[in-house]
Amino acid sequence: MANIVIVGTQWGDEGKGKIVDLLAEFADLVVRFQGGNNAGHTMVVAGEQFISHLVPSGILQKKTCIIGNGVVVDPAVLVGELDNLSNRGVDVGPDRLKISEKAHVIMPYHQRLDHAREKMKGDKKIGTTGRGIGPCYEDKASRRGIRFAELIDPEVFTEMVTSVLKEKNFYLEQFFATEALDPQSIIDQYQGYAKRLAPHVTNISVLIYNAIKQGKQVLFEGAQGTHLDIDHGTYPFVTSSNTVAGNACCGAGIGPKEINAVIGIVKAYTFVVSLYRVWSWQGHGDSSLCDQRLSS
């Protein structure tokens, strides 16, 4: 098997998890390169169902799994997944799961802002999951994000949370008229996550590069689908990251020449809801007609 990227070619429910699970048997590393816990895979192994939102599905194949720098990570969700897998006999130790030191961390204020914005938009809401994915990518782009490199450094993390929360609390209180967040409670909570996850954190670009040079095979696992790409999808009804295959390089820190093949997963039948919603959102029709058709 070569180094392969697997992506969805539609809206992300094409069944990528099954293909990833099938090909993971022949891979040495499985890398998740974008998105957050707003996506996931459902796998059934020996009649037992496993649902993964952040941990690459190759973990069930006992492969080295990597959460790339292009992923935004809710540490509470990740710790919950690790506990669930461990309790079911799956090895999720530091040798089995690696997290990029450059991956950004979803904070409580990201989730609070996500919910507040959707509520304010009313009928014009995008339909976000409210899990803080978009606001986390915003902070990444504005250079105010907190990465795992900062999370596992108590002094730096404390300073950053205290500084950033002054701005976020201003938005929450003055613009959205909602309750402010306490910085110390966040610091205490997240330092617990840092202690748990620190052994998994490493420079994944070097890890993947060395593995490829040693002749190992890498499977790159995308989330969502092409039509949800922030640049090339049905904007504004898209996710907050680039879901196309090319982002495997940026989201994992490798050069394009290392990719040997791309597999796009297609669902045989799909109802084009998103395109109609974009059309109606732009003032050409009533999206509620589409929603009524779906519910009937």
C-alpha atoms as a PDB file:
ATOM      1  CA  MET A   1       0.000   0.000   0.000  1.00  0.00           C
ATOM      2  CA  ALA A   2       1.181   3.544  -0.807  1.00  0.00           C
ATOM      3  CA  ASN A   3       0.673   6.735   1.209  1.00  0.00           C
ATOM      4  CA  ILE A   4      -3.023   7.411   0.651  1.00  0.00           C
ATOM      5  CA  VAL A   5      -5.431  10.252   1.475  1.00  0.00           C
ATOM      6  CA  ILE A   6      -9.093   9.363   2.010  1.00  0.00           C
ATOM      7  CA  VAL A   7     -11.683  12.126   1.740  1.00  0.00           C
ATOM      8  CA  GLY A   8     -15.419  12.426   1.319  1.00  0.00           C
ATOM      9  CA  THR A   9     -16.464  13.907  -2.019  1.00  0.00           C
ATOM     10  CA  GLN A  10     -19.844  15.183  -0.841  1.00  0.00           C
ATOM     11  CA  TRP A  11     -21.068  16.401   2.564  1.00  0.00           C
ATOM     12  CA  GLY A  12     -19.199  14.012   4.811  1.00  0.00           C
ATOM     13  CA  ASP A  13     -21.572  11.117   5.443  1.00  0.00           C
ATOM     14  CA  GLU A  14     -20.301   8.898   2.629  1.00  0.00           C
ATOM     15  CA  GLY A  15     -19.005   6.120   4.841  1.00  0.00           C
ATOM     16  CA  LYS A  16     -15.307   7.016   4.964  1.00  0.00           C
ATOM     17  CA  GLY A  17     -14.903   5.238   8.291  1.00  0.00           C
ATOM     18  CA  LYS A  18     -15.510   1.850   6.719  1.00  0.00           C
ATOM     19  CA  ILE A  19     -12.893   2.432   4.040  1.00  0.00           C
ATOM     20  CA  VAL A  20     -10.386   3.817   6.509  1.00  0.00           C
ATOM     21  CA  ASP A  21     -10.921   0.802   8.742  1.00  0.00           C
ATOM     22  CA  LEU A  22     -10.485  -1.530   5.765  1.00  0.00           C
ATOM     23  CA  LEU A  23      -7.246   0.067   4.530  1.00  0.00           C
ATOM     24  CA  ALA A  24      -5.813   0.670   7.995  1.00  0.00           C
ATOM     25  CA  GLU A  25      -4.995  -3.041   8.139  1.00  0.00           C
ATOM     26  CA  PHE A  26      -2.295  -2.421   5.530  1.00  0.00           C
ATOM     27  CA  ALA A  27      -0.988   0.886   6.938  1.00  0.00           C
ATOM     28  CA  ASP A  28       1.604   1.580   9.614  1.00  0.00           C
ATOM     29  CA  LEU A  29       0.356   5.043  10.576  1.00  0.00           C
ATOM     30  CA  VAL A  30      -3.120   6.575  10.385  1.00  0.00           C
ATOM     31  CA  VAL A  31      -3.230  10.378  10.456  1.00  0.00           C
ATOM     32  CA  ARG A  32      -6.208  12.683  11.043  1.00  0.00           C
ATOM     33  CA  PHE A  33      -5.350  16.019   9.416  1.00  0.00           C
ATOM     34  CA  GLN A  34      -8.251  18.490   9.926  1.00  0.00           C
ATOM     35  CA  GLY A  35     -11.543  19.222  11.653  1.00  0.00           C
ATOM     36  CA  GLY A  36     -12.553  18.619  15.219  1.00  0.00           C
ATOM     37  CA  ASN A  37     -15.088  16.637  17.188  1.00  0.00           C
ATOM     38  CA  ASN A  38     -17.818  17.914  14.885  1.00  0.00           C
ATOM     39  CA  ALA A  39     -17.018  14.882  12.725  1.00  0.00           C
ATOM     40  CA  GLY A  40     -16.524  11.219  13.422  1.00  0.00           C
ATOM     41  CA  HIS A  41     -16.514   7.606  12.339  1.00  0.00           C
ATOM     42  CA  THR A  42     -18.700   4.733  13.462  1.00  0.00           C
ATOM     43  CA  MET A  43     -17.170   1.274  13.225  1.00  0.00           C
ATOM     44  CA  VAL A  44     -18.546  -2.138  14.117  1.00  0.00           C
ATOM     45  CA  VAL A  45     -15.948  -4.762  15.005  1.00  0.00           C
ATOM     46  CA  ALA A  46     -17.059  -8.277  15.940  1.00  0.00           C
ATOM     47  CA  GLY A  47     -20.549  -6.947  16.572  1.00  0.00           C
ATOM     48  CA  GLU A  48     -19.285  -4.190  18.870  1.00  0.00           C
ATOM     49  CA  GLN A  49     -19.817  -0.540  17.911  1.00  0.00           C
ATOM     50  CA  PHE A  50     -17.074   2.061  18.304  1.00  0.00           C
ATOM     51  CA  ILE A  51     -17.679   5.771  17.706  1.00  0.00           C
ATOM     52  CA  SER A  52     -14.667   8.032  17.263  1.00  0.00           C
ATOM     53  CA  HIS A  53     -14.738  11.822  16.944  1.00  0.00           C
ATOM     54  CA  LEU A  54     -11.039  12.591  17.342  1.00  0.00           C
ATOM     55  CA  VAL A  55      -9.011   9.393  17.664  1.00  0.00           C
ATOM     56  CA  PRO A  56      -8.232   8.000  14.186  1.00  0.00           C
ATOM     57  CA  SER A  57     -10.159   4.803  13.529  1.00  0.00           C
ATOM     58  CA  GLY A  58      -6.910   2.931  12.873  1.00  0.00           C
ATOM     59  CA  ILE A  59      -6.605   2.596  16.645  1.00  0.00           C
ATOM     60  CA  LEU A  60      -8.778  -0.521  16.415  1.00  0.00           C
ATOM     61  CA  GLN A  61      -6.255  -2.034  14.004  1.00  0.00           C
ATOM     62  CA  LYS A  62      -3.476  -1.460  16.566  1.00  0.00           C
ATOM     63  CA  LYS A  63      -1.782   1.084  14.320  1.00  0.00           C
ATOM     64  CA  THR A  64       0.124   4.189  15.356  1.00  0.00           C
ATOM     65  CA  CYS A  65      -2.496   6.946  15.197  1.00  0.00           C
ATOM     66  CA  ILE A  66      -1.761  10.634  14.878  1.00  0.00           C
ATOM     67  CA  ILE A  67      -3.864  13.729  15.488  1.00  0.00           C
ATOM     68  CA  GLY A  68      -2.324  16.289  13.147  1.00  0.00           C
ATOM     69  CA  ASN A  69      -1.626  19.964  13.547  1.00  0.00           C
ATOM     70  CA  GLY A  70      -4.606  20.793  11.324  1.00  0.00           C
ATOM     71  CA  VAL A  71      -7.037  19.365  13.875  1.00  0.00           C
ATOM     72  CA  VAL A  72      -8.638  21.438  16.640  1.00  0.00           C
ATOM     73  CA  VAL A  73      -9.001  19.356  19.783  1.00  0.00           C
ATOM     74  CA  ASP A  74     -11.450  19.519  22.660  1.00  0.00           C
ATOM     75  CA  PRO A  75      -9.343  17.860  25.380  1.00  0.00           C
ATOM     76  CA  ALA A  76     -12.414  16.841  27.381  1.00  0.00           C
ATOM     77  CA  VAL A  77     -13.783  14.926  24.385  1.00  0.00           C
ATOM     78  CA  LEU A  78     -10.399  13.376  23.644  1.00  0.00           C
ATOM     79  CA  VAL A  79      -9.863  12.212  27.223  1.00  0.00           C
ATOM     80  CA  GLY A  80     -13.382  10.756  27.204  1.00  0.00           C
ATOM     81  CA  GLU A  81     -12.632   8.805  24.033  1.00  0.00           C
ATOM     82  CA  LEU A  82      -9.358   7.514  25.431  1.00  0.00           C
ATOM     83  CA  ASP A  83     -11.067   6.352  28.619  1.00  0.00           C
ATOM     84  CA  ASN A  84     -13.841   4.658  26.670  1.00  0.00           C
ATOM     85  CA  LEU A  85     -11.426   2.846  24.359  1.00  0.00           C
ATOM     86  CA  SER A  86      -9.122   1.852  27.206  1.00  0.00           C
ATOM     87  CA  ASN A  87     -12.022   0.469  29.234  1.00  0.00           C
ATOM     88  CA  ARG A  88     -12.949  -1.691  26.238  1.00  0.00           C
ATOM     89  CA  GLY A  89      -9.475  -3.165  25.925  1.00  0.00           C
ATOM     90  CA  VAL A  90      -8.056  -0.921  23.200  1.00  0.00           C
ATOM     91  CA  ASP A  91      -4.465   0.265  23.630  1.00  0.00           C
ATOM     92  CA  VAL A  92      -4.453   4.085  23.523  1.00  0.00           C
ATOM     93  CA  GLY A  93      -1.137   4.687  25.274  1.00  0.00           C
ATOM     94  CA  PRO A  94       1.450   7.304  24.211  1.00  0.00           C
ATOM     95  CA  ASP A  95       3.145   4.798  21.919  1.00  0.00           C
ATOM     96  CA  ARG A  96      -0.119   4.177  20.109  1.00  0.00           C
ATOM     97  CA  LEU A  97      -1.600   7.709  19.903  1.00  0.00           C
ATOM     98  CA  LYS A  98       0.371  10.850  19.080  1.00  0.00           C
ATOM     99  CA  ILE A  99      -0.858  14.457  19.173  1.00  0.00           C
ATOM    100  CA  SER A 100       0.803  17.287  17.286  1.00  0.00           C
ATOM    101  CA  GLU A 101       2.308  19.938  19.529  1.00  0.00           C
ATOM    102  CA  LYS A 102       0.966  22.439  16.982  1.00  0.00           C
ATOM    103  CA  ALA A 103      -2.673  21.288  17.138  1.00  0.00           C
ATOM    104  CA  HIS A 104      -4.930  23.967  18.597  1.00  0.00           C
ATOM    105  CA  VAL A 105      -7.024  23.470  21.715  1.00  0.00           C
ATOM    106  CA  ILE A 106     -10.759  24.185  21.886  1.00  0.00           C
ATOM    107  CA  MET A 107     -11.480  26.265  24.978  1.00  0.00           C
ATOM    108  CA  PRO A 108     -14.749  26.821  26.896  1.00  0.00           C
ATOM    109  CA  TYR A 109     -15.043  30.352  25.516  1.00  0.00           C
ATOM    110  CA  HIS A 110     -14.991  28.951  21.973  1.00  0.00           C
ATOM    111  CA  GLN A 111     -18.045  26.848  22.737  1.00  0.00           C
ATOM    112  CA  ARG A 112     -19.814  29.689  24.534  1.00  0.00           C
ATOM    113  CA  LEU A 113     -19.251  32.061  21.615  1.00  0.00           C
ATOM    114  CA  ASP A 114     -20.372  29.411  19.124  1.00  0.00           C
ATOM    115  CA  HIS A 115     -23.721  28.967  20.872  1.00  0.00           C
ATOM    116  CA  ALA A 116     -24.238  32.698  21.428  1.00  0.00           C
ATOM    117  CA  ARG A 117     -23.665  33.549  17.764  1.00  0.00           C
ATOM    118  CA  GLU A 118     -26.058  30.909  16.507  1.00  0.00           C
ATOM    119  CA  LYS A 119     -28.738  32.060  18.926  1.00  0.00           C
ATOM    120  CA  MET A 120     -28.347  35.676  17.817  1.00  0.00           C
ATOM    121  CA  LYS A 121     -28.628  34.781  14.108  1.00  0.00           C
ATOM    122  CA  GLY A 122     -32.074  33.248  14.551  1.00  0.00           C
ATOM    123  CA  ASP A 123     -33.453  32.090  11.194  1.00  0.00           C
ATOM    124  CA  LYS A 124     -30.149  32.939   9.515  1.00  0.00           C
ATOM    125  CA  LYS A 125     -28.138  30.506  11.636  1.00  0.00           C
ATOM    126  CA  ILE A 126     -25.578  28.346   9.849  1.00  0.00           C
ATOM    127  CA  GLY A 127     -26.360  25.169  11.778  1.00  0.00           C
ATOM    128  CA  THR A 128     -23.050  24.803  13.572  1.00  0.00           C
ATOM    129  CA  THR A 129     -22.669  21.977  16.077  1.00  0.00           C
ATOM    130  CA  GLY A 130     -21.883  24.525  18.794  1.00  0.00           C
ATOM    131  CA  ARG A 131     -18.718  22.682  19.781  1.00  0.00           C
ATOM    132  CA  GLY A 132     -16.398  25.649  19.350  1.00  0.00           C
ATOM    133  CA  ILE A 133     -14.744  24.476  16.150  1.00  0.00           C
ATOM    134  CA  GLY A 134     -15.145  27.718  14.188  1.00  0.00           C
ATOM    135  CA  PRO A 135     -14.136  30.101  16.996  1.00  0.00           C
ATOM    136  CA  CYS A 136     -11.056  27.950  17.660  1.00  0.00           C
ATOM    137  CA  TYR A 137      -9.975  28.197  14.024  1.00  0.00           C
ATOM    138  CA  GLU A 138     -10.647  31.955  14.223  1.00  0.00           C
ATOM    139  CA  ASP A 139      -8.212  32.310  17.105  1.00  0.00           C
ATOM    140  CA  LYS A 140      -5.695  30.208  15.206  1.00  0.00           C
ATOM    141  CA  ALA A 141      -5.900  32.590  12.231  1.00  0.00           C
ATOM    142  CA  SER A 142      -5.721  35.682  14.447  1.00  0.00           C
ATOM    143  CA  ARG A 143      -2.671  34.285  16.255  1.00  0.00           C
ATOM    144  CA  ARG A 144      -4.420  34.156  19.604  1.00  0.00           C
ATOM    145  CA  GLY A 145      -4.913  30.397  19.699  1.00  0.00           C
ATOM    146  CA  ILE A 146      -3.623  28.019  22.333  1.00  0.00           C
ATOM    147  CA  ARG A 147      -1.803  24.976  21.009  1.00  0.00           C
ATOM    148  CA  PHE A 148      -0.833  21.797  22.811  1.00  0.00           C
ATOM    149  CA  ALA A 149       2.679  23.235  23.089  1.00  0.00           C
ATOM    150  CA  GLU A 150       1.239  25.985  25.291  1.00  0.00           C
ATOM    151  CA  LEU A 151      -1.280  23.751  27.049  1.00  0.00           C
ATOM    152  CA  ILE A 152       1.434  21.553  28.534  1.00  0.00           C
ATOM    153  CA  ASP A 153       3.450  24.565  29.747  1.00  0.00           C
ATOM    154  CA  PRO A 154       1.607  25.689  32.930  1.00  0.00           C
ATOM    155  CA  GLU A 155       3.156  29.156  33.097  1.00  0.00           C
ATOM    156  CA  VAL A 156       2.568  30.017  29.453  1.00  0.00           C
ATOM    157  CA  PHE A 157      -0.935  28.525  29.492  1.00  0.00           C
ATOM    158  CA  THR A 158      -1.972  30.533  32.547  1.00  0.00           C
ATOM    159  CA  GLU A 159      -0.701  33.756  31.011  1.00  0.00           C
ATOM    160  CA  MET A 160      -2.481  33.130  27.697  1.00  0.00           C
ATOM    161  CA  VAL A 161      -5.834  32.184  29.211  1.00  0.00           C
ATOM    162  CA  THR A 162      -5.799  35.231  31.483  1.00  0.00           C
ATOM    163  CA  SER A 163      -4.995  37.526  28.559  1.00  0.00           C
ATOM    164  CA  VAL A 164      -7.363  36.061  25.967  1.00  0.00           C
ATOM    165  CA  LEU A 165     -10.291  35.761  28.359  1.00  0.00           C
ATOM    166  CA  LYS A 166     -10.361  39.537  28.919  1.00  0.00           C
ATOM    167  CA  GLU A 167     -11.373  39.944  25.283  1.00  0.00           C
ATOM    168  CA  LYS A 168     -13.701  36.941  25.181  1.00  0.00           C
ATOM    169  CA  ASN A 169     -15.544  37.964  28.352  1.00  0.00           C
ATOM    170  CA  PHE A 170     -16.052  41.437  26.913  1.00  0.00           C
ATOM    171  CA  TYR A 171     -17.799  39.907  23.885  1.00  0.00           C
ATOM    172  CA  LEU A 172     -19.818  37.519  26.025  1.00  0.00           C
ATOM    173  CA  GLU A 173     -21.033  40.160  28.456  1.00  0.00           C
ATOM    174  CA  GLN A 174     -21.285  43.319  26.366  1.00  0.00           C
ATOM    175  CA  PHE A 175     -22.324  41.990  22.968  1.00  0.00           C
ATOM    176  CA  PHE A 176     -24.055  38.683  23.629  1.00  0.00           C
ATOM    177  CA  ALA A 177     -25.405  39.597  27.076  1.00  0.00           C
ATOM    178  CA  THR A 178     -24.355  36.292  28.566  1.00  0.00           C
ATOM    179  CA  GLU A 179     -22.341  35.253  31.609  1.00  0.00           C
ATOM    180  CA  ALA A 180     -18.573  35.717  31.741  1.00  0.00           C
ATOM    181  CA  LEU A 181     -16.167  32.838  32.306  1.00  0.00           C
ATOM    182  CA  ASP A 182     -13.803  32.500  35.253  1.00  0.00           C
ATOM    183  CA  PRO A 183     -10.164  32.167  34.115  1.00  0.00           C
ATOM    184  CA  GLN A 184      -8.948  30.246  37.158  1.00  0.00           C
ATOM    185  CA  SER A 185     -11.566  27.517  36.834  1.00  0.00           C
ATOM    186  CA  ILE A 186     -10.566  27.045  33.197  1.00  0.00           C
ATOM    187  CA  ILE A 187      -6.878  26.956  34.094  1.00  0.00           C
ATOM    188  CA  ASP A 188      -7.446  24.353  36.800  1.00  0.00           C
ATOM    189  CA  GLN A 189      -9.608  22.165  34.562  1.00  0.00           C
ATOM    190  CA  TYR A 190      -7.276  22.295  31.574  1.00  0.00           C
ATOM    191  CA  GLN A 191      -4.141  21.644  33.581  1.00  0.00           C
ATOM    192  CA  GLY A 192      -5.713  18.312  34.456  1.00  0.00           C
ATOM    193  CA  TYR A 193      -6.113  17.576  30.747  1.00  0.00           C
ATOM    194  CA  ALA A 194      -2.540  18.728  30.114  1.00  0.00           C
ATOM    195  CA  LYS A 195      -1.137  16.302  32.661  1.00  0.00           C
ATOM    196  CA  ARG A 196      -3.098  13.446  31.106  1.00  0.00           C
ATOM    197  CA  LEU A 197      -2.276  14.230  27.470  1.00  0.00           C
ATOM    198  CA  ALA A 198       1.311  15.544  27.712  1.00  0.00           C
ATOM    199  CA  PRO A 199       2.910  12.091  27.109  1.00  0.00           C
ATOM    200  CA  HIS A 200       1.119  11.940  23.738  1.00  0.00           C
ATOM    201  CA  VAL A 201       2.322  15.338  22.495  1.00  0.00           C
ATOM    202  CA  THR A 202       5.186  15.414  19.992  1.00  0.00           C
ATOM    203  CA  ASN A 203       6.447  16.826  16.689  1.00  0.00           C
ATOM    204  CA  ILE A 204       4.340  14.715  14.347  1.00  0.00           C
ATOM    205  CA  SER A 205       5.873  16.151  11.150  1.00  0.00           C
ATOM    206  CA  VAL A 206       9.240  14.644  12.035  1.00  0.00           C
ATOM    207  CA  LEU A 207       7.548  11.408  13.092  1.00  0.00           C
ATOM    208  CA  ILE A 208       5.686  11.020   9.791  1.00  0.00           C
ATOM    209  CA  TYR A 209       8.701  12.068   7.702  1.00  0.00           C
ATOM    210  CA  ASN A 210      10.961   9.516   9.365  1.00  0.00           C
ATOM    211  CA  ALA A 211       8.322   6.798   9.021  1.00  0.00           C
ATOM    212  CA  ILE A 212       7.984   7.444   5.280  1.00  0.00           C
ATOM    213  CA  LYS A 213      11.754   7.413   4.806  1.00  0.00           C
ATOM    214  CA  GLN A 214      11.825   4.030   6.559  1.00  0.00           C
ATOM    215  CA  GLY A 215       9.365   2.691   3.983  1.00  0.00           C
ATOM    216  CA  LYS A 216       6.318   2.696   6.246  1.00  0.00           C
ATOM    217  CA  GLN A 217       2.850   3.270   4.808  1.00  0.00           C
ATOM    218  CA  VAL A 218       0.695   6.201   5.913  1.00  0.00           C
ATOM    219  CA  LEU A 219      -3.069   6.559   5.652  1.00  0.00           C
ATOM    220  CA  PHE A 220      -4.386  10.138   5.893  1.00  0.00           C
ATOM    221  CA  GLU A 221      -7.929  10.340   7.213  1.00  0.00           C
ATOM    222  CA  GLY A 222     -10.082  13.344   6.338  1.00  0.00           C
ATOM    223  CA  ALA A 223     -13.208  14.537   8.110  1.00  0.00           C
ATOM    224  CA  GLN A 224     -16.475  15.874   6.644  1.00  0.00           C
ATOM    225  CA  GLY A 225     -16.554  16.186   2.838  1.00  0.00           C
ATOM    226  CA  THR A 226     -15.468  18.321  -0.112  1.00  0.00           C
ATOM    227  CA  HIS A 227     -18.676  20.366  -0.247  1.00  0.00           C
ATOM    228  CA  LEU A 228     -18.047  21.464   3.333  1.00  0.00           C
ATOM    229  CA  ASP A 229     -14.600  22.881   2.529  1.00  0.00           C
ATOM    230  CA  ILE A 230     -14.216  26.443   3.834  1.00  0.00           C
ATOM    231  CA  ASP A 231     -12.946  27.638   0.425  1.00  0.00           C
ATOM    232  CA  HIS A 232     -14.457  25.251  -2.112  1.00  0.00           C
ATOM    233  CA  GLY A 233     -17.696  24.170  -0.438  1.00  0.00           C
ATOM    234  CA  THR A 234     -21.268  25.486  -0.376  1.00  0.00           C
ATOM    235  CA  TYR A 235     -20.276  28.666   1.457  1.00  0.00           C
ATOM    236  CA  PRO A 236     -21.447  29.868   3.976  1.00  0.00           C
ATOM    237  CA  PHE A 237     -22.891  26.466   4.886  1.00  0.00           C
ATOM    238  CA  VAL A 238     -19.474  24.895   5.330  1.00  0.00           C
ATOM    239  CA  THR A 239     -17.159  23.780   8.087  1.00  0.00           C
ATOM    240  CA  SER A 240     -14.228  25.879   9.346  1.00  0.00           C
ATOM    241  CA  SER A 241     -11.339  23.983   7.773  1.00  0.00           C
ATOM    242  CA  ASN A 242     -10.149  22.767   4.389  1.00  0.00           C
ATOM    243  CA  THR A 243     -11.587  19.293   3.877  1.00  0.00           C
ATOM    244  CA  VAL A 244     -10.074  18.646   0.437  1.00  0.00           C
ATOM    245  CA  ALA A 245      -7.256  16.151  -0.070  1.00  0.00           C
ATOM    246  CA  GLY A 246      -4.595  18.832  -0.545  1.00  0.00           C
ATOM    247  CA  ASN A 247      -4.935  19.853   3.093  1.00  0.00           C
ATOM    248  CA  ALA A 248      -3.484  16.500   4.188  1.00  0.00           C
ATOM    249  CA  CYS A 249      -0.055  18.027   3.572  1.00  0.00           C
ATOM    250  CA  CYS A 250      -0.674  21.207   5.575  1.00  0.00           C
ATOM    251  CA  GLY A 251      -2.617  19.431   8.304  1.00  0.00           C
ATOM    252  CA  ALA A 252       0.083  16.838   8.878  1.00  0.00           C
ATOM    253  CA  GLY A 253       3.214  18.798   8.023  1.00  0.00           C
ATOM    254  CA  ILE A 254       4.517  16.833   5.043  1.00  0.00           C
ATOM    255  CA  GLY A 255       5.332  17.683   1.426  1.00  0.00           C
ATOM    256  CA  PRO A 256       2.927  16.862  -1.436  1.00  0.00           C
ATOM    257  CA  LYS A 257       5.432  14.535  -3.097  1.00  0.00           C
ATOM    258  CA  GLU A 258       4.911  12.107  -0.219  1.00  0.00           C
ATOM    259  CA  ILE A 259       1.263  11.525  -1.233  1.00  0.00           C
ATOM    260  CA  ASN A 260       0.936   8.639  -3.674  1.00  0.00           C
ATOM    261  CA  ALA A 261      -2.830   8.429  -4.117  1.00  0.00           C
ATOM    262  CA  VAL A 262      -6.159   9.983  -3.167  1.00  0.00           C
ATOM    263  CA  ILE A 263      -9.353   8.015  -2.675  1.00  0.00           C
ATOM    264  CA  GLY A 264     -12.622   9.955  -2.767  1.00  0.00           C
ATOM    265  CA  ILE A 265     -15.626   8.262  -1.203  1.00  0.00           C
ATOM    266  CA  VAL A 266     -18.988   8.810  -2.917  1.00  0.00           C
ATOM    267  CA  LYS A 267     -22.456   8.049  -1.608  1.00  0.00           C
ATOM    268  CA  ALA A 268     -24.678   6.541  -4.302  1.00  0.00           C
ATOM    269  CA  TYR A 269     -27.667   8.732  -3.445  1.00  0.00           C
ATOM    270  CA  THR A 270     -27.836  12.125  -1.811  1.00  0.00           C
ATOM    271  CA  PHE A 271     -30.460  14.847  -1.516  1.00  0.00           C
ATOM    272  CA  VAL A 272     -28.878  18.207  -2.289  1.00  0.00           C
ATOM    273  CA  VAL A 273     -30.023  20.086   0.809  1.00  0.00           C
ATOM    274  CA  SER A 274     -27.033  22.365   1.283  1.00  0.00           C
ATOM    275  CA  LEU A 275     -27.147  23.860  -2.207  1.00  0.00           C
ATOM    276  CA  TYR A 276     -30.823  24.724  -1.800  1.00  0.00           C
ATOM    277  CA  ARG A 277     -30.158  26.299   1.588  1.00  0.00           C
ATOM    278  CA  VAL A 278     -27.388  28.476   0.133  1.00  0.00           C
ATOM    279  CA  TRP A 279     -29.730  29.515  -2.663  1.00  0.00           C
ATOM    280  CA  SER A 280     -32.501  30.420  -0.217  1.00  0.00           C
ATOM    281  CA  TRP A 281     -30.096  32.066   2.233  1.00  0.00           C
ATOM    282  CA  GLN A 282     -29.084  34.433  -0.559  1.00  0.00           C
ATOM    283  CA  GLY A 283     -32.701  35.534  -0.912  1.00  0.00           C
ATOM    284  CA  HIS A 284     -33.897  33.328  -3.767  1.00  0.00           C
ATOM    285  CA  GLY A 285     -36.313  31.110  -1.896  1.00  0.00           C
ATOM    286  CA  ASP A 286     -37.589  29.726   1.397  1.00  0.00           C
ATOM    287  CA  SER A 287     -35.288  27.156   3.018  1.00  0.00           C
ATOM    288  CA  SER A 288     -38.160  26.050   5.263  1.00  0.00           C
ATOM    289  CA  LEU A 289     -39.680  24.298   2.234  1.00  0.00           C
ATOM    290  CA  CYS A 290     -36.588  22.145   2.068  1.00  0.00           C
ATOM    291  CA  ASP A 291     -36.743  21.440   5.795  1.00  0.00           C
ATOM    292  CA  GLN A 292     -40.438  20.493   5.517  1.00  0.00           C
ATOM    293  CA  ARG A 293     -39.657  18.100   2.670  1.00  0.00           C
ATOM    294  CA  LEU A 294     -36.964  16.441   4.777  1.00  0.00           C
ATOM    295  CA  SER A 295     -39.234  16.011   7.814  1.00  0.00           C
ATOM    296  CA  SER A 296     -42.127  14.565   5.828  1.00  0.00           C
END
